[in-house]
Amino acid sequence: MGGEPSDAAVEETHRFLEAVAGRQAPSGHAWGSIWNLVAFLDLLDRWDRQTAKVRSPDASEGTATVPPEPGA
């Protein structure tokens, strides 16, 4: 996933969380929030890459391959 978040990013996230919550938040929450966001964005990226492969046109037929609907 990359390196450690910078001290500035953690501090800014900490201030944001406190502003949203309207109360003090432990500084560890900021660090955890950053990693949760990074993990979520990584998941979305992987999901997009997988669905792009499924959506890619079939060169022989010129149509997109679409997975079946769940329960179909």
PDB file of N, CA and C in Angstrom:
ATOM      1  N   MET A   1       0.800  -1.202   0.000  1.00  0.00           N
ATOM      2  CA  MET A   1       0.000   0.000   0.000  1.00  0.00           C
ATOM      3  C   MET A   1       0.838   1.259   0.000  1.00  0.00           C
ATOM      4  N   GLY A   2       2.101   1.183   0.176  1.00  0.00           N
ATOM      5  CA  GLY A   2       2.900   2.388   0.195  1.00  0.00           C
ATOM      6  C   GLY A   2       3.533   2.614   1.546  1.00  0.00           C
ATOM      7  N   GLY A   3       4.076   3.834   1.743  1.00  0.00           N
ATOM      8  CA  GLY A   3       4.765   4.166   2.978  1.00  0.00           C
ATOM      9  C   GLY A   3       3.839   4.656   4.070  1.00  0.00           C
ATOM     10  N   GLU A   4       4.459   5.118   5.131  1.00  0.00           N
ATOM     11  CA  GLU A   4       3.727   5.650   6.278  1.00  0.00           C
ATOM     12  C   GLU A   4       3.133   7.013   5.928  1.00  0.00           C
ATOM     13  N   PRO A   5       1.960   7.329   6.504  1.00  0.00           N
ATOM     14  CA  PRO A   5       1.421   8.677   6.290  1.00  0.00           C
ATOM     15  C   PRO A   5       2.313   9.699   6.994  1.00  0.00           C
ATOM     16  N   SER A   6       2.426  10.879   6.416  1.00  0.00           N
ATOM     17  CA  SER A   6       3.265  11.918   7.017  1.00  0.00           C
ATOM     18  C   SER A   6       2.636  12.419   8.306  1.00  0.00           C
ATOM     19  N   ASP A   7       3.467  13.005   9.152  1.00  0.00           N
ATOM     20  CA  ASP A   7       2.968  13.587  10.400  1.00  0.00           C
ATOM     21  C   ASP A   7       1.931  14.661  10.107  1.00  0.00           C
ATOM     22  N   ALA A   8       2.158  15.432   9.035  1.00  0.00           N
ATOM     23  CA  ALA A   8       1.219  16.492   8.667  1.00  0.00           C
ATOM     24  C   ALA A   8      -0.130  15.901   8.263  1.00  0.00           C
ATOM     25  N   ALA A   9      -0.120  14.784   7.537  1.00  0.00           N
ATOM     26  CA  ALA A   9      -1.379  14.151   7.120  1.00  0.00           C
ATOM     27  C   ALA A   9      -2.140  13.621   8.328  1.00  0.00           C
ATOM     28  N   VAL A  10      -1.409  13.030   9.278  1.00  0.00           N
ATOM     29  CA  VAL A  10      -2.057  12.508  10.480  1.00  0.00           C
ATOM     30  C   VAL A  10      -2.654  13.652  11.290  1.00  0.00           C
ATOM     31  N   GLU A  11      -1.903  14.740  11.447  1.00  0.00           N
ATOM     32  CA  GLU A  11      -2.395  15.890  12.222  1.00  0.00           C
ATOM     33  C   GLU A  11      -3.610  16.524  11.555  1.00  0.00           C
ATOM     34  N   GLU A  12      -3.570  16.688  10.243  1.00  0.00           N
ATOM     35  CA  GLU A  12      -4.709  17.278   9.530  1.00  0.00           C
ATOM     36  C   GLU A  12      -5.943  16.382   9.648  1.00  0.00           C
ATOM     37  N   THR A  13      -5.741  15.073   9.530  1.00  0.00           N
ATOM     38  CA  THR A  13      -6.848  14.132   9.678  1.00  0.00           C
ATOM     39  C   THR A  13      -7.400  14.183  11.092  1.00  0.00           C
ATOM     40  N   HIS A  14      -6.524  14.302  12.078  1.00  0.00           N
ATOM     41  CA  HIS A  14      -6.936  14.392  13.478  1.00  0.00           C
ATOM     42  C   HIS A  14      -7.812  15.633  13.699  1.00  0.00           C
ATOM     43  N   ARG A  15      -7.375  16.766  13.168  1.00  0.00           N
ATOM     44  CA  ARG A  15      -8.181  18.004  13.294  1.00  0.00           C
ATOM     45  C   ARG A  15      -9.535  17.834  12.600  1.00  0.00           C
ATOM     46  N   PHE A  16      -9.537  17.212  11.425  1.00  0.00           N
ATOM     47  CA  PHE A  16     -10.783  16.991  10.689  1.00  0.00           C
ATOM     48  C   PHE A  16     -11.744  16.112  11.488  1.00  0.00           C
ATOM     49  N   LEU A  17     -11.231  15.004  12.022  1.00  0.00           N
ATOM     50  CA  LEU A  17     -12.089  14.100  12.794  1.00  0.00           C
ATOM     51  C   LEU A  17     -12.671  14.793  14.016  1.00  0.00           C
ATOM     52  N   GLU A  18     -11.873  15.610  14.693  1.00  0.00           N
ATOM     53  CA  GLU A  18     -12.380  16.338  15.852  1.00  0.00           C
ATOM     54  C   GLU A  18     -13.439  17.358  15.451  1.00  0.00           C
ATOM     55  N   ALA A  19     -13.239  18.016  14.318  1.00  0.00           N
ATOM     56  CA  ALA A  19     -14.220  18.996  13.854  1.00  0.00           C
ATOM     57  C   ALA A  19     -15.536  18.322  13.495  1.00  0.00           C
ATOM     58  N   VAL A  20     -15.456  17.182  12.842  1.00  0.00           N
ATOM     59  CA  VAL A  20     -16.669  16.458  12.444  1.00  0.00           C
ATOM     60  C   VAL A  20     -17.381  15.898  13.668  1.00  0.00           C
ATOM     61  N   ALA A  21     -16.617  15.344  14.605  1.00  0.00           N
ATOM     62  CA  ALA A  21     -17.209  14.725  15.788  1.00  0.00           C
ATOM     63  C   ALA A  21     -17.655  15.761  16.813  1.00  0.00           C
ATOM     64  N   GLY A  22     -17.058  16.948  16.762  1.00  0.00           N
ATOM     65  CA  GLY A  22     -17.398  17.980  17.736  1.00  0.00           C
ATOM     66  C   GLY A  22     -16.826  17.696  19.113  1.00  0.00           C
ATOM     67  N   ARG A  23     -15.833  16.851  19.179  1.00  0.00           N
ATOM     68  CA  ARG A  23     -15.187  16.517  20.455  1.00  0.00           C
ATOM     69  C   ARG A  23     -13.766  16.037  20.181  1.00  0.00           C
ATOM     70  N   GLN A  24     -13.002  15.876  21.243  1.00  0.00           N
ATOM     71  CA  GLN A  24     -11.634  15.392  21.082  1.00  0.00           C
ATOM     72  C   GLN A  24     -11.641  13.931  20.644  1.00  0.00           C
ATOM     73  N   ALA A  25     -10.684  13.609  19.809  1.00  0.00           N
ATOM     74  CA  ALA A  25     -10.533  12.233  19.333  1.00  0.00           C
ATOM     75  C   ALA A  25      -9.110  11.783  19.612  1.00  0.00           C
ATOM     76  N   PRO A  26      -8.931  10.529  19.986  1.00  0.00           N
ATOM     77  CA  PRO A  26      -7.565  10.027  20.174  1.00  0.00           C
ATOM     78  C   PRO A  26      -6.784  10.136  18.866  1.00  0.00           C
ATOM     79  N   SER A  27      -5.504  10.480  18.965  1.00  0.00           N
ATOM     80  CA  SER A  27      -4.703  10.668  17.751  1.00  0.00           C
ATOM     81  C   SER A  27      -4.575   9.365  16.959  1.00  0.00           C
ATOM     82  N   GLY A  28      -4.695   8.227  17.626  1.00  0.00           N
ATOM     83  CA  GLY A  28      -4.635   6.949  16.924  1.00  0.00           C
ATOM     84  C   GLY A  28      -5.785   6.762  15.950  1.00  0.00           C
ATOM     85  N   HIS A  29      -6.895   7.436  16.209  1.00  0.00           N
ATOM     86  CA  HIS A  29      -8.036   7.336  15.293  1.00  0.00           C
ATOM     87  C   HIS A  29      -7.692   7.949  13.940  1.00  0.00           C
ATOM     88  N   ALA A  30      -6.912   9.023  13.948  1.00  0.00           N
ATOM     89  CA  ALA A  30      -6.530   9.669  12.686  1.00  0.00           C
ATOM     90  C   ALA A  30      -5.681   8.721  11.851  1.00  0.00           C
ATOM     91  N   TRP A  31      -4.699   8.093  12.489  1.00  0.00           N
ATOM     92  CA  TRP A  31      -3.822   7.159  11.778  1.00  0.00           C
ATOM     93  C   TRP A  31      -4.636   6.000  11.224  1.00  0.00           C
ATOM     94  N   GLY A  32      -5.523   5.445  12.031  1.00  0.00           N
ATOM     95  CA  GLY A  32      -6.365   4.338  11.582  1.00  0.00           C
ATOM     96  C   GLY A  32      -7.295   4.749  10.457  1.00  0.00           C
ATOM     97  N   SER A  33      -7.819   5.964  10.542  1.00  0.00           N
ATOM     98  CA  SER A  33      -8.717   6.451   9.490  1.00  0.00           C
ATOM     99  C   SER A  33      -7.997   6.573   8.159  1.00  0.00           C
ATOM    100  N   ILE A  34      -6.763   7.044   8.211  1.00  0.00           N
ATOM    101  CA  ILE A  34      -5.977   7.159   6.977  1.00  0.00           C
ATOM    102  C   ILE A  34      -5.778   5.785   6.361  1.00  0.00           C
ATOM    103  N   TRP A  35      -5.396   4.798   7.165  1.00  0.00           N
ATOM    104  CA  TRP A  35      -5.153   3.461   6.626  1.00  0.00           C
ATOM    105  C   TRP A  35      -6.433   2.820   6.126  1.00  0.00           C
ATOM    106  N   ASN A  36      -7.549   3.068   6.809  1.00  0.00           N
ATOM    107  CA  ASN A  36      -8.826   2.535   6.326  1.00  0.00           C
ATOM    108  C   ASN A  36      -9.185   3.138   4.975  1.00  0.00           C
ATOM    109  N   LEU A  37      -8.952   4.441   4.825  1.00  0.00           N
ATOM    110  CA  LEU A  37      -9.236   5.092   3.551  1.00  0.00           C
ATOM    111  C   LEU A  37      -8.333   4.550   2.446  1.00  0.00           C
ATOM    112  N   VAL A  38      -7.058   4.389   2.747  1.00  0.00           N
ATOM    113  CA  VAL A  38      -6.115   3.847   1.756  1.00  0.00           C
ATOM    114  C   VAL A  38      -6.535   2.437   1.346  1.00  0.00           C
ATOM    115  N   ALA A  39      -6.912   1.615   2.331  1.00  0.00           N
ATOM    116  CA  ALA A  39      -7.336   0.242   2.024  1.00  0.00           C
ATOM    117  C   ALA A  39      -8.608   0.244   1.183  1.00  0.00           C
ATOM    118  N   PHE A  40      -9.546   1.146   1.490  1.00  0.00           N
ATOM    119  CA  PHE A  40     -10.786   1.235   0.717  1.00  0.00           C
ATOM    120  C   PHE A  40     -10.499   1.658  -0.720  1.00  0.00           C
ATOM    121  N   LEU A  41      -9.650   2.662  -0.890  1.00  0.00           N
ATOM    122  CA  LEU A  41      -9.319   3.113  -2.250  1.00  0.00           C
ATOM    123  C   LEU A  41      -8.567   2.031  -3.021  1.00  0.00           C
ATOM    124  N   ASP A  42      -7.714   1.278  -2.334  1.00  0.00           N
ATOM    125  CA  ASP A  42      -7.015   0.164  -2.975  1.00  0.00           C
ATOM    126  C   ASP A  42      -8.020  -0.899  -3.430  1.00  0.00           C
ATOM    127  N   LEU A  43      -8.995  -1.190  -2.582  1.00  0.00           N
ATOM    128  CA  LEU A  43     -10.033  -2.151  -2.939  1.00  0.00           C
ATOM    129  C   LEU A  43     -10.821  -1.677  -4.161  1.00  0.00           C
ATOM    130  N   LEU A  44     -11.205  -0.399  -4.181  1.00  0.00           N
ATOM    131  CA  LEU A  44     -11.928   0.136  -5.342  1.00  0.00           C
ATOM    132  C   LEU A  44     -11.087   0.049  -6.615  1.00  0.00           C
ATOM    133  N   ASP A  45      -9.789   0.325  -6.490  1.00  0.00           N
ATOM    134  CA  ASP A  45      -8.899   0.245  -7.650  1.00  0.00           C
ATOM    135  C   ASP A  45      -8.827  -1.181  -8.185  1.00  0.00           C
ATOM    136  N   ARG A  46      -8.651  -2.145  -7.272  1.00  0.00           N
ATOM    137  CA  ARG A  46      -8.591  -3.549  -7.707  1.00  0.00           C
ATOM    138  C   ARG A  46      -9.912  -3.980  -8.323  1.00  0.00           C
ATOM    139  N   TRP A  47     -11.017  -3.561  -7.731  1.00  0.00           N
ATOM    140  CA  TRP A  47     -12.341  -3.898  -8.247  1.00  0.00           C
ATOM    141  C   TRP A  47     -12.529  -3.316  -9.647  1.00  0.00           C
ATOM    142  N   ASP A  48     -12.120  -2.061  -9.826  1.00  0.00           N
ATOM    143  CA  ASP A  48     -12.243  -1.412 -11.133  1.00  0.00           C
ATOM    144  C   ASP A  48     -11.403  -2.140 -12.179  1.00  0.00           C
ATOM    145  N   ARG A  49     -10.200  -2.543 -11.806  1.00  0.00           N
ATOM    146  CA  ARG A  49      -9.341  -3.258 -12.749  1.00  0.00           C
ATOM    147  C   ARG A  49      -9.940  -4.609 -13.140  1.00  0.00           C
ATOM    148  N   GLN A  50     -10.537  -5.299 -12.175  1.00  0.00           N
ATOM    149  CA  GLN A  50     -11.156  -6.593 -12.473  1.00  0.00           C
ATOM    150  C   GLN A  50     -12.377  -6.422 -13.365  1.00  0.00           C
ATOM    151  N   THR A  51     -13.209  -5.436 -13.076  1.00  0.00           N
ATOM    152  CA  THR A  51     -14.412  -5.251 -13.896  1.00  0.00           C
ATOM    153  C   THR A  51     -14.050  -4.711 -15.274  1.00  0.00           C
ATOM    154  N   ALA A  52     -12.947  -3.978 -15.378  1.00  0.00           N
ATOM    155  CA  ALA A  52     -12.513  -3.494 -16.694  1.00  0.00           C
ATOM    156  C   ALA A  52     -12.135  -4.674 -17.575  1.00  0.00           C
ATOM    157  N   LYS A  53     -11.530  -5.707 -16.987  1.00  0.00           N
ATOM    158  CA  LYS A  53     -11.191  -6.897 -17.761  1.00  0.00           C
ATOM    159  C   LYS A  53     -12.448  -7.599 -18.236  1.00  0.00           C
ATOM    160  N   VAL A  54     -13.476  -7.635 -17.394  1.00  0.00           N
ATOM    161  CA  VAL A  54     -14.738  -8.284 -17.758  1.00  0.00           C
ATOM    162  C   VAL A  54     -15.462  -7.473 -18.821  1.00  0.00           C
ATOM    163  N   ARG A  55     -15.378  -6.136 -18.720  1.00  0.00           N
ATOM    164  CA  ARG A  55     -16.080  -5.267 -19.667  1.00  0.00           C
ATOM    165  C   ARG A  55     -15.358  -5.135 -20.994  1.00  0.00           C
ATOM    166  N   SER A  56     -14.095  -5.547 -21.072  1.00  0.00           N
ATOM    167  CA  SER A  56     -13.337  -5.321 -22.295  1.00  0.00           C
ATOM    168  C   SER A  56     -13.979  -6.071 -23.457  1.00  0.00           C
ATOM    169  N   PRO A  57     -14.019  -5.427 -24.610  1.00  0.00           N
ATOM    170  CA  PRO A  57     -14.658  -6.064 -25.773  1.00  0.00           C
ATOM    171  C   PRO A  57     -13.940  -7.331 -26.209  1.00  0.00           C
ATOM    172  N   ASP A  58     -14.721  -8.272 -26.663  1.00  0.00           N
ATOM    173  CA  ASP A  58     -14.175  -9.497 -27.238  1.00  0.00           C
ATOM    174  C   ASP A  58     -13.797  -9.162 -28.670  1.00  0.00           C
ATOM    175  N   ALA A  59     -12.524  -9.249 -28.972  1.00  0.00           N
ATOM    176  CA  ALA A  59     -12.030  -8.827 -30.288  1.00  0.00           C
ATOM    177  C   ALA A  59     -12.658  -9.615 -31.426  1.00  0.00           C
ATOM    178  N   SER A  60     -12.997 -10.874 -31.180  1.00  0.00           N
ATOM    179  CA  SER A  60     -13.530 -11.687 -32.267  1.00  0.00           C
ATOM    180  C   SER A  60     -14.985 -11.349 -32.582  1.00  0.00           C
ATOM    181  N   GLU A  61     -15.765 -10.925 -31.586  1.00  0.00           N
ATOM    182  CA  GLU A  61     -17.181 -10.655 -31.824  1.00  0.00           C
ATOM    183  C   GLU A  61     -17.530  -9.180 -31.772  1.00  0.00           C
ATOM    184  N   GLY A  62     -16.644  -8.370 -31.188  1.00  0.00           N
ATOM    185  CA  GLY A  62     -16.924  -6.943 -31.090  1.00  0.00           C
ATOM    186  C   GLY A  62     -17.967  -6.604 -30.038  1.00  0.00           C
ATOM    187  N   THR A  63     -18.240  -7.511 -29.094  1.00  0.00           N
ATOM    188  CA  THR A  63     -19.201  -7.229 -28.042  1.00  0.00           C
ATOM    189  C   THR A  63     -18.517  -7.364 -26.686  1.00  0.00           C
ATOM    190  N   ALA A  64     -19.074  -6.705 -25.691  1.00  0.00           N
ATOM    191  CA  ALA A  64     -18.512  -6.765 -24.351  1.00  0.00           C
ATOM    192  C   ALA A  64     -18.985  -8.037 -23.648  1.00  0.00           C
ATOM    193  N   THR A  65     -18.120  -8.588 -22.826  1.00  0.00           N
ATOM    194  CA  THR A  65     -18.487  -9.740 -22.017  1.00  0.00           C
ATOM    195  C   THR A  65     -19.027  -9.226 -20.695  1.00  0.00           C
ATOM    196  N   VAL A  66     -20.235  -9.596 -20.350  1.00  0.00           N
ATOM    197  CA  VAL A  66     -20.868  -9.139 -19.119  1.00  0.00           C
ATOM    198  C   VAL A  66     -21.151 -10.349 -18.259  1.00  0.00           C
ATOM    199  N   PRO A  67     -20.741 -10.304 -16.969  1.00  0.00           N
ATOM    200  CA  PRO A  67     -21.005 -11.463 -16.102  1.00  0.00           C
ATOM    201  C   PRO A  67     -22.507 -11.599 -15.851  1.00  0.00           C
ATOM    202  N   PRO A  68     -22.974 -12.816 -15.593  1.00  0.00           N
ATOM    203  CA  PRO A  68     -24.405 -13.021 -15.332  1.00  0.00           C
ATOM    204  C   PRO A  68     -24.818 -12.338 -14.042  1.00  0.00           C
ATOM    205  N   GLU A  69     -26.081 -11.953 -13.972  1.00  0.00           N
ATOM    206  CA  GLU A  69     -26.624 -11.337 -12.756  1.00  0.00           C
ATOM    207  C   GLU A  69     -26.646 -12.384 -11.657  1.00  0.00           C
ATOM    208  N   PRO A  70     -26.432 -11.964 -10.396  1.00  0.00           N
ATOM    209  CA  PRO A  70     -26.505 -12.918  -9.296  1.00  0.00           C
ATOM    210  C   PRO A  70     -27.875 -13.588  -9.255  1.00  0.00           C
ATOM    211  N   GLY A  71     -27.894 -14.876  -9.040  1.00  0.00           N
ATOM    212  CA  GLY A  71     -29.141 -15.625  -8.976  1.00  0.00           C
ATOM    213  C   GLY A  71     -29.732 -15.977 -10.325  1.00  0.00           C
ATOM    214  N   ALA A  72     -29.046 -15.607 -11.410  1.00  0.00           N
ATOM    215  CA  ALA A  72     -29.589 -15.880 -12.748  1.00  0.00           C
ATOM    216  C   ALA A  72     -29.239 -17.282 -13.202  1.00  0.00           C
TER     217      ALA A  72
END
